[in-house]
Amino acid sequence: MKTVTRAAVAGVAAAAAVGLAAPASAEPLNGNYTETITDNGGRMSIKNGGFSEWILTPCGPDCTHIHQIENPWDADVHLQGNTWSGTLIPGRRTLSFDKDTLAGTDVLTFPEGERGAGVYTMSVQLAKTG
């Protein structure tokens, strides 16, 4: 009977440990990455295969800071479910990508009166380079 009781206590303890565990956060994105355009969304001035180099650093729980090297800008993206997303230029540019595959979209919005006015959704792929 003692063996059965010990087994039951061990089972309850194991179940409690699993049930009470804190939710897992995504691995932080940290280091040098390349954003490559895989489909330019019809924006002819941006070529498929074009890329930019980014430095990513953690900025808090489920937060990653992006610094683009060539055309300097900075922004934060936040993990929402399985997707990192954020606004790079308020009202003009948003980014979202899958936390596992790092594939996503980079959406550019140009208002009326500007050359190429409209919304362009580009498919992108991030890859860690260092």
Foldseek 3Di string as FASTA:
>chain_A
DVVVVVVVVVVVVVVCCVVPDDDDAADADAAKKKKAFQFFQPPVVDDHRDIWIWGWDADDGQKIWIFTDPPTFIWIWGDDPQKTKDARDVPAWIWIAGSPFQKTWIKGAADPPDVPHDIGITIIHMDHDD
